[in-house]
Every structure is written in C-alpha cells, then in structure tokens.
Amino acid sequence: MNMRKNDDNKKGRPWDDVFGSFDEEFEEMKERMDRLMERLTTGAAPLDNEPMIYGFSMRIGPDGKPRIQQFGNTAAENEAPSTREPLTDVIEEEDKVRIVVELPGVEKEDIHLHATAKALEIDVDNHGRRFSKHLDLPCEVKGDNAKATYKNGVLQILLERSSRRNKKKEIRIE
C-alpha cells in the first residue's frame, strides 16, 4: 500500500513535465547505441577510417522547456554514414533569428544555404566531410535580408522575422 501511495505522489510533481522526455531520449539513445555495438561486434558494419560521432545538446528554449538536439553521423539511420549532422543553436531575438552552426574543417565555398519562410537547409560537401541539416524555424523569416558569416569553423546566420511567406532563396556567405 505504501508503494501505491508513493506512485500517486510522483504523478503530481511539477517537474515531471520538464524532465519526462529525458527518460525517453536516453532510452532511444541507449537502443541506438546497442544496435550500433551489435553491428560492430558481429562484423555487420564495416569500420571505415571515418570516426563515428554521436551526441546531444540540451538547452532551455524560450518557452522555458528543455530542448534536446541530436548531432553526429549516426543520428539518422536513413542517411549515408559519411553525412554528419552539425551541432546547431537557434536563438530567437526580438526582431531576428540567429542560427549558429559548428562546421569544423570546411571552406565557406563548400557551404550551401537555402531558406524559406519557415525552414533553413544547410548542406556541406567538402572533400571527405559532409554535413547536412534541415531546421524548422520557430517563426516566419524574410529570406531576402538574410546574412551569413563563416569564421574559424563557426557559421552564423541572421534572419529577419517576417509575417509573410517567402519563396526559397539562396544565402550568400560573407
């Protein structure tokens, strides 16, 4: 009977909504790593010279809820193993959306960006390094006024907020 009472108390904790998704994310990550290790130990997955990269970043979003983002070259099973998903931060500002992307070891000429009113696509094809990321933006933006800079492996993109729809537009990196 005491266990039942403790279980009932756990249901009403205010932080359960905030941390409830962590258990699901960690379980999914554990299952993915178990599958990967099984493939490696049985020889089903050949080991290339390219390192396996997988991780996640946890941040508190503007709504106060935690956001977990996966990155690496084993995060998406339907992609080619040589394609990596870069670590990306989306920062909402009063009149802009700032996107910061880590792209180590690539040249700015190899980075291709395309923006729509609600999404941003990042593709990098450098000899030996491939990155790919599709971001759904938190609000509508103007693709015409986009600015992008790339320095020391860090790509920063500034998009102005908008309330109207724009067609897909390529962004020039300075």
N, C-alpha and C. Protein backbone atom coordinates (compact mmCIF):
# COMPACT_ATOMS: atom_id res chain seq x y z
N MET A 1 0.82 -1.19 0.00
CA MET A 1 0.00 0.00 0.00
C MET A 1 0.87 1.26 0.00
N ASN A 2 2.02 1.24 0.66
CA ASN A 2 2.90 2.39 0.67
C ASN A 2 3.44 2.70 -0.73
N MET A 3 3.73 1.65 -1.49
CA MET A 3 4.25 1.87 -2.83
C MET A 3 3.20 2.55 -3.70
N ARG A 4 1.97 2.17 -3.57
CA ARG A 4 0.90 2.78 -4.34
C ARG A 4 0.80 4.26 -4.02
N LYS A 5 0.90 4.59 -2.73
CA LYS A 5 0.81 5.98 -2.31
C LYS A 5 1.98 6.78 -2.89
N ASN A 6 3.19 6.21 -2.88
CA ASN A 6 4.35 6.90 -3.44
C ASN A 6 4.20 7.12 -4.94
N ASP A 7 3.66 6.11 -5.65
CA ASP A 7 3.43 6.27 -7.09
C ASP A 7 2.43 7.38 -7.35
N ASP A 8 1.39 7.49 -6.55
CA ASP A 8 0.41 8.55 -6.73
C ASP A 8 1.05 9.92 -6.50
N ASN A 9 1.95 10.02 -5.54
CA ASN A 9 2.62 11.29 -5.27
C ASN A 9 3.53 11.69 -6.43
N LYS A 10 4.17 10.73 -7.07
CA LYS A 10 5.07 11.02 -8.19
C LYS A 10 4.32 11.62 -9.37
N LYS A 11 3.09 11.24 -9.56
CA LYS A 11 2.32 11.72 -10.72
C LYS A 11 2.10 13.22 -10.68
N GLY A 12 2.03 13.80 -9.50
CA GLY A 12 1.70 15.20 -9.40
C GLY A 12 2.89 16.13 -9.29
N ARG A 13 4.11 15.65 -9.43
CA ARG A 13 5.29 16.51 -9.30
C ARG A 13 5.35 17.50 -10.47
N PRO A 14 5.61 18.76 -10.17
CA PRO A 14 5.60 19.77 -11.25
C PRO A 14 6.74 19.60 -12.25
N TRP A 15 7.85 18.98 -11.85
CA TRP A 15 8.97 18.85 -12.77
C TRP A 15 8.86 17.63 -13.67
N ASP A 16 7.83 16.80 -13.47
CA ASP A 16 7.67 15.61 -14.32
C ASP A 16 7.49 16.00 -15.79
N ASP A 17 6.77 17.09 -16.06
CA ASP A 17 6.58 17.52 -17.45
C ASP A 17 7.90 17.96 -18.07
N VAL A 18 8.74 18.62 -17.26
CA VAL A 18 10.01 19.14 -17.77
C VAL A 18 11.00 18.02 -18.05
N PHE A 19 11.14 17.07 -17.11
CA PHE A 19 12.16 16.04 -17.25
C PHE A 19 11.62 14.72 -17.79
N GLY A 20 10.33 14.62 -18.04
CA GLY A 20 9.75 13.37 -18.52
C GLY A 20 10.32 12.91 -19.84
N SER A 21 10.62 13.84 -20.75
CA SER A 21 11.13 13.44 -22.05
C SER A 21 12.58 12.97 -22.00
N PHE A 22 13.32 13.32 -20.94
CA PHE A 22 14.71 12.87 -20.82
C PHE A 22 14.79 11.35 -20.81
N ASP A 23 13.91 10.72 -20.06
CA ASP A 23 13.93 9.25 -20.00
C ASP A 23 13.73 8.65 -21.38
N GLU A 24 12.81 9.21 -22.14
CA GLU A 24 12.55 8.70 -23.49
C GLU A 24 13.77 8.91 -24.39
N GLU A 25 14.38 10.11 -24.32
CA GLU A 25 15.55 10.41 -25.14
C GLU A 25 16.71 9.49 -24.79
N PHE A 26 16.97 9.29 -23.49
CA PHE A 26 18.07 8.43 -23.09
C PHE A 26 17.82 6.98 -23.48
N GLU A 27 16.58 6.52 -23.38
CA GLU A 27 16.26 5.14 -23.77
C GLU A 27 16.46 4.96 -25.28
N GLU A 28 16.04 5.94 -26.07
CA GLU A 28 16.24 5.87 -27.52
C GLU A 28 17.72 5.87 -27.86
N MET A 29 18.50 6.71 -27.17
CA MET A 29 19.93 6.75 -27.40
C MET A 29 20.58 5.42 -27.02
N LYS A 30 20.17 4.82 -25.91
CA LYS A 30 20.71 3.53 -25.47
C LYS A 30 20.40 2.45 -26.50
N GLU A 31 19.16 2.42 -27.00
CA GLU A 31 18.79 1.42 -28.01
C GLU A 31 19.62 1.59 -29.28
N ARG A 32 19.83 2.84 -29.69
CA ARG A 32 20.61 3.11 -30.89
C ARG A 32 22.06 2.67 -30.70
N MET A 33 22.62 2.96 -29.56
CA MET A 33 24.00 2.55 -29.27
C MET A 33 24.11 1.03 -29.18
N ASP A 34 23.10 0.37 -28.58
CA ASP A 34 23.10 -1.10 -28.51
C ASP A 34 23.09 -1.71 -29.92
N ARG A 35 22.25 -1.16 -30.82
CA ARG A 35 22.21 -1.66 -32.20
C ARG A 35 23.55 -1.45 -32.89
N LEU A 36 24.15 -0.28 -32.68
CA LEU A 36 25.43 0.02 -33.30
C LEU A 36 26.52 -0.93 -32.79
N MET A 37 26.57 -1.13 -31.49
CA MET A 37 27.57 -2.04 -30.92
C MET A 37 27.36 -3.47 -31.41
N GLU A 38 26.12 -3.91 -31.52
CA GLU A 38 25.82 -5.24 -32.02
C GLU A 38 26.34 -5.40 -33.45
N ARG A 39 26.10 -4.38 -34.29
CA ARG A 39 26.57 -4.44 -35.67
C ARG A 39 28.10 -4.45 -35.73
N LEU A 40 28.74 -3.69 -34.86
CA LEU A 40 30.21 -3.64 -34.87
C LEU A 40 30.82 -4.95 -34.39
N THR A 41 30.25 -5.54 -33.35
CA THR A 41 30.84 -6.76 -32.79
C THR A 41 30.58 -7.99 -33.65
N THR A 42 29.52 -7.98 -34.44
CA THR A 42 29.23 -9.12 -35.30
C THR A 42 29.84 -8.95 -36.69
N GLY A 43 30.43 -7.79 -36.94
CA GLY A 43 31.03 -7.55 -38.25
C GLY A 43 30.03 -7.12 -39.29
N ALA A 44 28.79 -6.84 -38.91
CA ALA A 44 27.77 -6.42 -39.88
C ALA A 44 28.03 -5.02 -40.41
N ALA A 45 28.72 -4.18 -39.64
CA ALA A 45 29.03 -2.82 -40.07
C ALA A 45 30.54 -2.69 -40.21
N PRO A 46 31.02 -2.51 -41.43
CA PRO A 46 32.47 -2.35 -41.59
C PRO A 46 32.94 -1.05 -40.94
N LEU A 47 34.11 -1.09 -40.33
CA LEU A 47 34.68 0.11 -39.72
C LEU A 47 35.46 0.87 -40.78
N ASP A 48 35.01 2.05 -41.12
CA ASP A 48 35.73 2.90 -42.06
C ASP A 48 36.79 3.68 -41.30
N ASN A 49 37.56 4.44 -42.01
CA ASN A 49 38.55 5.30 -41.38
C ASN A 49 37.90 6.52 -40.75
N GLU A 50 36.66 6.76 -41.07
CA GLU A 50 35.96 7.93 -40.53
C GLU A 50 35.44 7.64 -39.12
N PRO A 51 35.63 8.58 -38.21
CA PRO A 51 35.16 8.35 -36.83
C PRO A 51 33.64 8.38 -36.75
N MET A 52 33.11 7.63 -35.80
CA MET A 52 31.67 7.66 -35.54
C MET A 52 31.43 8.75 -34.51
N ILE A 53 30.55 9.66 -34.83
CA ILE A 53 30.28 10.78 -33.95
C ILE A 53 28.80 10.79 -33.64
N TYR A 54 28.48 10.88 -32.36
CA TYR A 54 27.09 10.98 -31.94
C TYR A 54 27.04 11.70 -30.62
N GLY A 55 26.11 12.56 -30.48
CA GLY A 55 25.97 13.27 -29.21
C GLY A 55 24.66 14.01 -29.17
N PHE A 56 24.46 14.72 -28.09
CA PHE A 56 23.28 15.54 -27.97
C PHE A 56 23.60 16.76 -27.13
N SER A 57 22.82 17.80 -27.34
CA SER A 57 22.97 19.00 -26.56
C SER A 57 21.62 19.31 -25.94
N MET A 58 21.65 19.75 -24.70
CA MET A 58 20.41 20.10 -24.00
C MET A 58 20.45 21.58 -23.64
N ARG A 59 19.38 22.28 -24.01
CA ARG A 59 19.26 23.70 -23.70
C ARG A 59 17.82 24.01 -23.31
N ILE A 60 17.64 25.08 -22.61
CA ILE A 60 16.30 25.55 -22.26
C ILE A 60 15.84 26.50 -23.36
N GLY A 61 14.69 26.22 -23.96
CA GLY A 61 14.15 27.04 -25.02
C GLY A 61 13.51 28.30 -24.48
N PRO A 62 13.10 29.20 -25.38
CA PRO A 62 12.47 30.45 -24.95
C PRO A 62 11.16 30.24 -24.20
N ASP A 63 10.55 29.08 -24.39
CA ASP A 63 9.31 28.77 -23.68
C ASP A 63 9.57 28.18 -22.30
N GLY A 64 10.86 28.05 -21.92
CA GLY A 64 11.21 27.53 -20.61
C GLY A 64 11.31 26.01 -20.54
N LYS A 65 11.05 25.33 -21.65
CA LYS A 65 11.11 23.87 -21.68
C LYS A 65 12.45 23.43 -22.25
N PRO A 66 12.97 22.30 -21.78
CA PRO A 66 14.25 21.82 -22.30
C PRO A 66 14.10 21.31 -23.73
N ARG A 67 15.15 21.56 -24.51
CA ARG A 67 15.19 21.07 -25.89
C ARG A 67 16.42 20.22 -26.03
N ILE A 68 16.22 19.01 -26.55
CA ILE A 68 17.33 18.08 -26.75
C ILE A 68 17.55 17.96 -28.25
N GLN A 69 18.79 18.18 -28.67
CA GLN A 69 19.13 18.10 -30.08
C GLN A 69 20.22 17.06 -30.28
N GLN A 70 19.99 16.14 -31.19
CA GLN A 70 20.98 15.12 -31.52
C GLN A 70 21.88 15.65 -32.64
N PHE A 71 23.12 15.18 -32.67
CA PHE A 71 24.01 15.53 -33.77
C PHE A 71 24.98 14.37 -33.99
N GLY A 72 25.59 14.35 -35.16
CA GLY A 72 26.59 13.33 -35.46
C GLY A 72 26.29 12.60 -36.74
N ASN A 73 27.14 11.61 -37.05
CA ASN A 73 26.95 10.88 -38.30
C ASN A 73 26.24 9.55 -38.10
N THR A 74 25.79 9.24 -36.89
CA THR A 74 25.00 8.03 -36.68
C THR A 74 23.60 8.38 -36.20
N ALA A 75 23.22 9.66 -36.21
CA ALA A 75 21.94 10.08 -35.66
C ALA A 75 20.77 9.68 -36.57
N ALA A 76 20.98 9.70 -37.86
CA ALA A 76 19.88 9.38 -38.77
C ALA A 76 20.23 8.12 -39.54
N GLU A 77 19.46 7.08 -39.35
CA GLU A 77 19.78 5.79 -39.96
C GLU A 77 19.54 5.77 -41.46
N ASN A 78 18.70 6.68 -41.97
CA ASN A 78 18.39 6.66 -43.40
C ASN A 78 19.40 7.48 -44.21
N GLU A 79 20.34 8.16 -43.56
CA GLU A 79 21.34 8.93 -44.28
C GLU A 79 22.59 8.08 -44.51
N ALA A 80 23.38 8.49 -45.47
CA ALA A 80 24.65 7.82 -45.70
C ALA A 80 25.53 8.02 -44.47
N PRO A 81 26.30 7.00 -44.07
CA PRO A 81 27.08 7.10 -42.85
C PRO A 81 28.10 8.23 -42.86
N SER A 82 28.51 8.69 -44.04
CA SER A 82 29.51 9.74 -44.10
C SER A 82 28.92 11.13 -43.92
N THR A 83 27.61 11.26 -43.84
CA THR A 83 26.97 12.55 -43.64
C THR A 83 26.79 12.81 -42.16
N ARG A 84 27.26 13.95 -41.72
CA ARG A 84 27.14 14.32 -40.31
C ARG A 84 26.08 15.40 -40.15
N GLU A 85 25.48 15.40 -38.99
CA GLU A 85 24.53 16.45 -38.65
C GLU A 85 25.24 17.40 -37.70
N PRO A 86 25.46 18.66 -38.10
CA PRO A 86 26.24 19.57 -37.27
C PRO A 86 25.48 20.02 -36.03
N LEU A 87 26.24 20.37 -35.00
CA LEU A 87 25.66 20.94 -33.79
C LEU A 87 25.17 22.34 -34.13
N THR A 88 23.91 22.63 -33.80
CA THR A 88 23.27 23.87 -34.22
C THR A 88 22.51 24.49 -33.06
N ASP A 89 22.62 25.81 -32.92
CA ASP A 89 21.83 26.56 -31.95
C ASP A 89 20.93 27.53 -32.70
N VAL A 90 19.68 27.60 -32.30
CA VAL A 90 18.73 28.57 -32.85
C VAL A 90 18.36 29.51 -31.72
N ILE A 91 18.67 30.80 -31.91
CA ILE A 91 18.44 31.80 -30.87
C ILE A 91 17.43 32.81 -31.38
N GLU A 92 16.29 32.88 -30.70
CA GLU A 92 15.27 33.86 -31.08
C GLU A 92 15.58 35.19 -30.42
N GLU A 93 15.67 36.24 -31.23
CA GLU A 93 15.84 37.59 -30.73
C GLU A 93 14.57 38.37 -31.03
N GLU A 94 14.52 39.60 -30.58
CA GLU A 94 13.28 40.38 -30.72
C GLU A 94 12.83 40.52 -32.16
N ASP A 95 13.75 40.86 -33.07
CA ASP A 95 13.37 41.06 -34.47
C ASP A 95 14.12 40.14 -35.43
N LYS A 96 14.94 39.22 -34.87
CA LYS A 96 15.74 38.33 -35.70
C LYS A 96 15.77 36.93 -35.13
N VAL A 97 16.19 36.00 -35.97
CA VAL A 97 16.50 34.64 -35.54
C VAL A 97 17.96 34.42 -35.90
N ARG A 98 18.77 34.05 -34.90
CA ARG A 98 20.20 33.81 -35.10
C ARG A 98 20.43 32.30 -35.04
N ILE A 99 21.13 31.79 -36.04
CA ILE A 99 21.45 30.37 -36.09
C ILE A 99 22.97 30.25 -36.09
N VAL A 100 23.50 29.45 -35.17
CA VAL A 100 24.93 29.23 -35.06
C VAL A 100 25.18 27.74 -35.31
N VAL A 101 26.06 27.45 -36.28
CA VAL A 101 26.31 26.08 -36.70
C VAL A 101 27.81 25.80 -36.64
N GLU A 102 28.19 24.69 -36.04
CA GLU A 102 29.59 24.29 -35.98
C GLU A 102 29.91 23.42 -37.19
N LEU A 103 30.81 23.89 -38.04
CA LEU A 103 31.22 23.18 -39.25
C LEU A 103 32.74 23.15 -39.34
N PRO A 104 33.41 22.37 -38.51
CA PRO A 104 34.87 22.37 -38.49
C PRO A 104 35.47 21.76 -39.75
N GLY A 105 36.55 22.38 -40.21
CA GLY A 105 37.33 21.80 -41.30
C GLY A 105 36.77 21.95 -42.69
N VAL A 106 35.82 22.85 -42.90
CA VAL A 106 35.28 23.05 -44.24
C VAL A 106 35.56 24.48 -44.70
N GLU A 107 35.52 24.68 -45.99
CA GLU A 107 35.70 26.01 -46.58
C GLU A 107 34.33 26.63 -46.81
N LYS A 108 34.25 27.95 -46.73
CA LYS A 108 32.94 28.60 -46.88
C LYS A 108 32.34 28.37 -48.27
N GLU A 109 33.18 28.14 -49.27
CA GLU A 109 32.68 27.88 -50.62
C GLU A 109 31.92 26.56 -50.70
N ASP A 110 32.16 25.66 -49.76
CA ASP A 110 31.51 24.35 -49.77
C ASP A 110 30.17 24.34 -49.03
N ILE A 111 29.81 25.48 -48.42
CA ILE A 111 28.58 25.57 -47.63
C ILE A 111 27.47 26.11 -48.52
N HIS A 112 26.34 25.41 -48.53
CA HIS A 112 25.18 25.85 -49.32
C HIS A 112 24.00 26.01 -48.37
N LEU A 113 23.41 27.20 -48.37
CA LEU A 113 22.28 27.52 -47.50
C LEU A 113 21.08 27.89 -48.35
N HIS A 114 19.91 27.39 -47.96
CA HIS A 114 18.66 27.77 -48.61
C HIS A 114 17.62 28.01 -47.52
N ALA A 115 16.94 29.13 -47.64
CA ALA A 115 15.95 29.49 -46.62
C ALA A 115 14.58 29.68 -47.25
N THR A 116 13.58 29.26 -46.51
CA THR A 116 12.20 29.58 -46.83
C THR A 116 11.67 30.38 -45.65
N ALA A 117 10.40 30.70 -45.67
CA ALA A 117 9.83 31.49 -44.58
C ALA A 117 9.86 30.73 -43.25
N LYS A 118 9.85 29.40 -43.29
CA LYS A 118 9.78 28.61 -42.05
C LYS A 118 10.88 27.58 -41.88
N ALA A 119 11.85 27.52 -42.79
CA ALA A 119 12.88 26.48 -42.70
C ALA A 119 14.21 26.96 -43.26
N LEU A 120 15.27 26.28 -42.83
CA LEU A 120 16.61 26.54 -43.32
C LEU A 120 17.28 25.20 -43.61
N GLU A 121 17.89 25.09 -44.77
CA GLU A 121 18.63 23.88 -45.15
C GLU A 121 20.10 24.21 -45.24
N ILE A 122 20.92 23.38 -44.61
CA ILE A 122 22.36 23.55 -44.62
C ILE A 122 22.97 22.29 -45.21
N ASP A 123 23.74 22.45 -46.28
CA ASP A 123 24.42 21.32 -46.91
C ASP A 123 25.87 21.69 -47.15
N VAL A 124 26.77 20.78 -46.78
CA VAL A 124 28.20 20.98 -46.97
C VAL A 124 28.75 19.73 -47.63
N ASP A 125 29.45 19.93 -48.74
CA ASP A 125 30.13 18.80 -49.38
C ASP A 125 31.56 19.22 -49.62
N ASN A 126 32.44 18.82 -48.73
CA ASN A 126 33.86 19.12 -48.79
C ASN A 126 34.56 17.78 -48.98
N HIS A 127 35.64 17.76 -49.64
CA HIS A 127 36.36 16.51 -49.89
C HIS A 127 36.60 15.78 -48.57
N GLY A 128 35.79 14.77 -48.29
CA GLY A 128 35.94 13.98 -47.07
C GLY A 128 35.04 14.40 -45.93
N ARG A 129 34.39 15.54 -46.01
CA ARG A 129 33.48 15.98 -44.94
C ARG A 129 32.15 16.38 -45.55
N ARG A 130 31.10 15.75 -45.04
CA ARG A 130 29.74 16.08 -45.49
C ARG A 130 28.89 16.37 -44.27
N PHE A 131 28.20 17.50 -44.32
CA PHE A 131 27.26 17.88 -43.27
C PHE A 131 25.93 18.18 -43.92
N SER A 132 24.85 17.86 -43.21
CA SER A 132 23.52 18.14 -43.72
C SER A 132 22.60 18.40 -42.53
N LYS A 133 21.75 19.44 -42.67
CA LYS A 133 20.82 19.76 -41.58
C LYS A 133 19.62 20.49 -42.16
N HIS A 134 18.43 20.08 -41.73
CA HIS A 134 17.19 20.79 -42.05
C HIS A 134 16.64 21.34 -40.74
N LEU A 135 16.44 22.64 -40.69
CA LEU A 135 15.92 23.28 -39.48
C LEU A 135 14.54 23.86 -39.74
N ASP A 136 13.58 23.50 -38.91
CA ASP A 136 12.29 24.18 -38.92
C ASP A 136 12.45 25.37 -38.00
N LEU A 137 12.23 26.56 -38.53
CA LEU A 137 12.45 27.78 -37.76
C LEU A 137 11.28 28.05 -36.81
N PRO A 138 11.54 28.73 -35.69
CA PRO A 138 10.50 28.97 -34.69
C PRO A 138 9.47 30.01 -35.11
N CYS A 139 9.76 30.78 -36.17
CA CYS A 139 8.82 31.79 -36.67
C CYS A 139 9.11 32.01 -38.14
N GLU A 140 8.23 32.74 -38.81
CA GLU A 140 8.47 33.06 -40.22
C GLU A 140 9.55 34.12 -40.32
N VAL A 141 10.40 34.00 -41.37
CA VAL A 141 11.51 34.92 -41.57
C VAL A 141 11.51 35.44 -43.00
N LYS A 142 12.26 36.53 -43.22
CA LYS A 142 12.47 37.09 -44.55
C LYS A 142 13.78 36.55 -45.09
N GLY A 143 13.74 35.75 -46.13
CA GLY A 143 14.95 35.21 -46.72
C GLY A 143 15.75 36.25 -47.49
N ASP A 144 15.10 37.33 -47.93
CA ASP A 144 15.77 38.35 -48.73
C ASP A 144 16.83 39.11 -47.94
N ASN A 145 16.63 39.28 -46.64
CA ASN A 145 17.54 40.07 -45.81
C ASN A 145 18.49 39.20 -45.00
N ALA A 146 18.65 37.96 -45.36
CA ALA A 146 19.49 37.04 -44.59
C ALA A 146 20.96 37.41 -44.75
N LYS A 147 21.69 37.25 -43.65
CA LYS A 147 23.13 37.49 -43.65
C LYS A 147 23.80 36.27 -43.02
N ALA A 148 24.91 35.86 -43.62
CA ALA A 148 25.64 34.70 -43.10
C ALA A 148 27.13 35.02 -43.09
N THR A 149 27.80 34.61 -42.01
CA THR A 149 29.24 34.75 -41.90
C THR A 149 29.83 33.41 -41.46
N TYR A 150 31.07 33.15 -41.88
CA TYR A 150 31.74 31.91 -41.52
C TYR A 150 33.17 32.23 -41.13
N LYS A 151 33.53 31.86 -39.90
CA LYS A 151 34.88 32.13 -39.42
C LYS A 151 35.27 31.07 -38.41
N ASN A 152 36.46 30.50 -38.58
CA ASN A 152 37.01 29.51 -37.65
C ASN A 152 36.08 28.33 -37.39
N GLY A 153 35.41 27.86 -38.43
CA GLY A 153 34.55 26.69 -38.31
C GLY A 153 33.17 26.95 -37.74
N VAL A 154 32.83 28.23 -37.55
CA VAL A 154 31.51 28.58 -37.00
C VAL A 154 30.75 29.42 -38.02
N LEU A 155 29.59 28.92 -38.41
CA LEU A 155 28.70 29.61 -39.34
C LEU A 155 27.61 30.31 -38.53
N GLN A 156 27.42 31.62 -38.78
CA GLN A 156 26.34 32.37 -38.13
C GLN A 156 25.43 32.92 -39.21
N ILE A 157 24.13 32.70 -39.01
CA ILE A 157 23.13 33.16 -39.96
C ILE A 157 22.15 34.03 -39.21
N LEU A 158 21.87 35.23 -39.74
CA LEU A 158 20.88 36.14 -39.16
C LEU A 158 19.71 36.25 -40.13
N LEU A 159 18.53 35.93 -39.65
CA LEU A 159 17.32 36.01 -40.46
C LEU A 159 16.36 36.98 -39.79
N GLU A 160 15.82 37.90 -40.55
CA GLU A 160 14.87 38.87 -40.02
C GLU A 160 13.48 38.25 -39.93
N ARG A 161 12.79 38.49 -38.81
CA ARG A 161 11.43 37.97 -38.64
C ARG A 161 10.49 38.59 -39.66
N SER A 162 9.49 37.82 -40.07
CA SER A 162 8.50 38.28 -41.05
C SER A 162 7.17 37.64 -40.75
N SER A 163 6.11 38.26 -41.25
CA SER A 163 4.79 37.65 -41.10
C SER A 163 4.25 37.19 -42.45
N ARG A 164 5.02 37.40 -43.52
CA ARG A 164 4.55 36.98 -44.84
C ARG A 164 5.40 35.82 -45.36
N ARG A 165 4.84 35.06 -46.28
CA ARG A 165 5.53 33.90 -46.86
C ARG A 165 6.50 34.35 -47.95
N ASN A 166 7.68 33.74 -47.96
CA ASN A 166 8.68 34.00 -48.99
C ASN A 166 9.04 32.69 -49.66
N LYS A 167 9.48 32.77 -50.92
CA LYS A 167 9.93 31.56 -51.60
C LYS A 167 11.37 31.25 -51.19
N LYS A 168 11.83 30.06 -51.53
CA LYS A 168 13.16 29.59 -51.18
C LYS A 168 14.20 30.49 -51.82
N LYS A 169 15.22 30.90 -51.05
CA LYS A 169 16.24 31.79 -51.55
C LYS A 169 17.61 31.35 -51.05
N GLU A 170 18.60 31.39 -51.93
CA GLU A 170 19.96 31.03 -51.54
C GLU A 170 20.58 32.19 -50.77
N ILE A 171 21.40 31.88 -49.76
CA ILE A 171 22.02 32.89 -48.92
C ILE A 171 23.51 32.91 -49.24
N ARG A 172 24.06 34.10 -49.44
CA ARG A 172 25.49 34.26 -49.72
C ARG A 172 26.25 34.37 -48.41
N ILE A 173 27.35 33.67 -48.27
CA ILE A 173 28.18 33.70 -47.06
C ILE A 173 29.28 34.72 -47.26
N GLU A 174 29.45 35.61 -46.30
CA GLU A 174 30.47 36.66 -46.40
C GLU A 174 31.75 36.22 -45.74
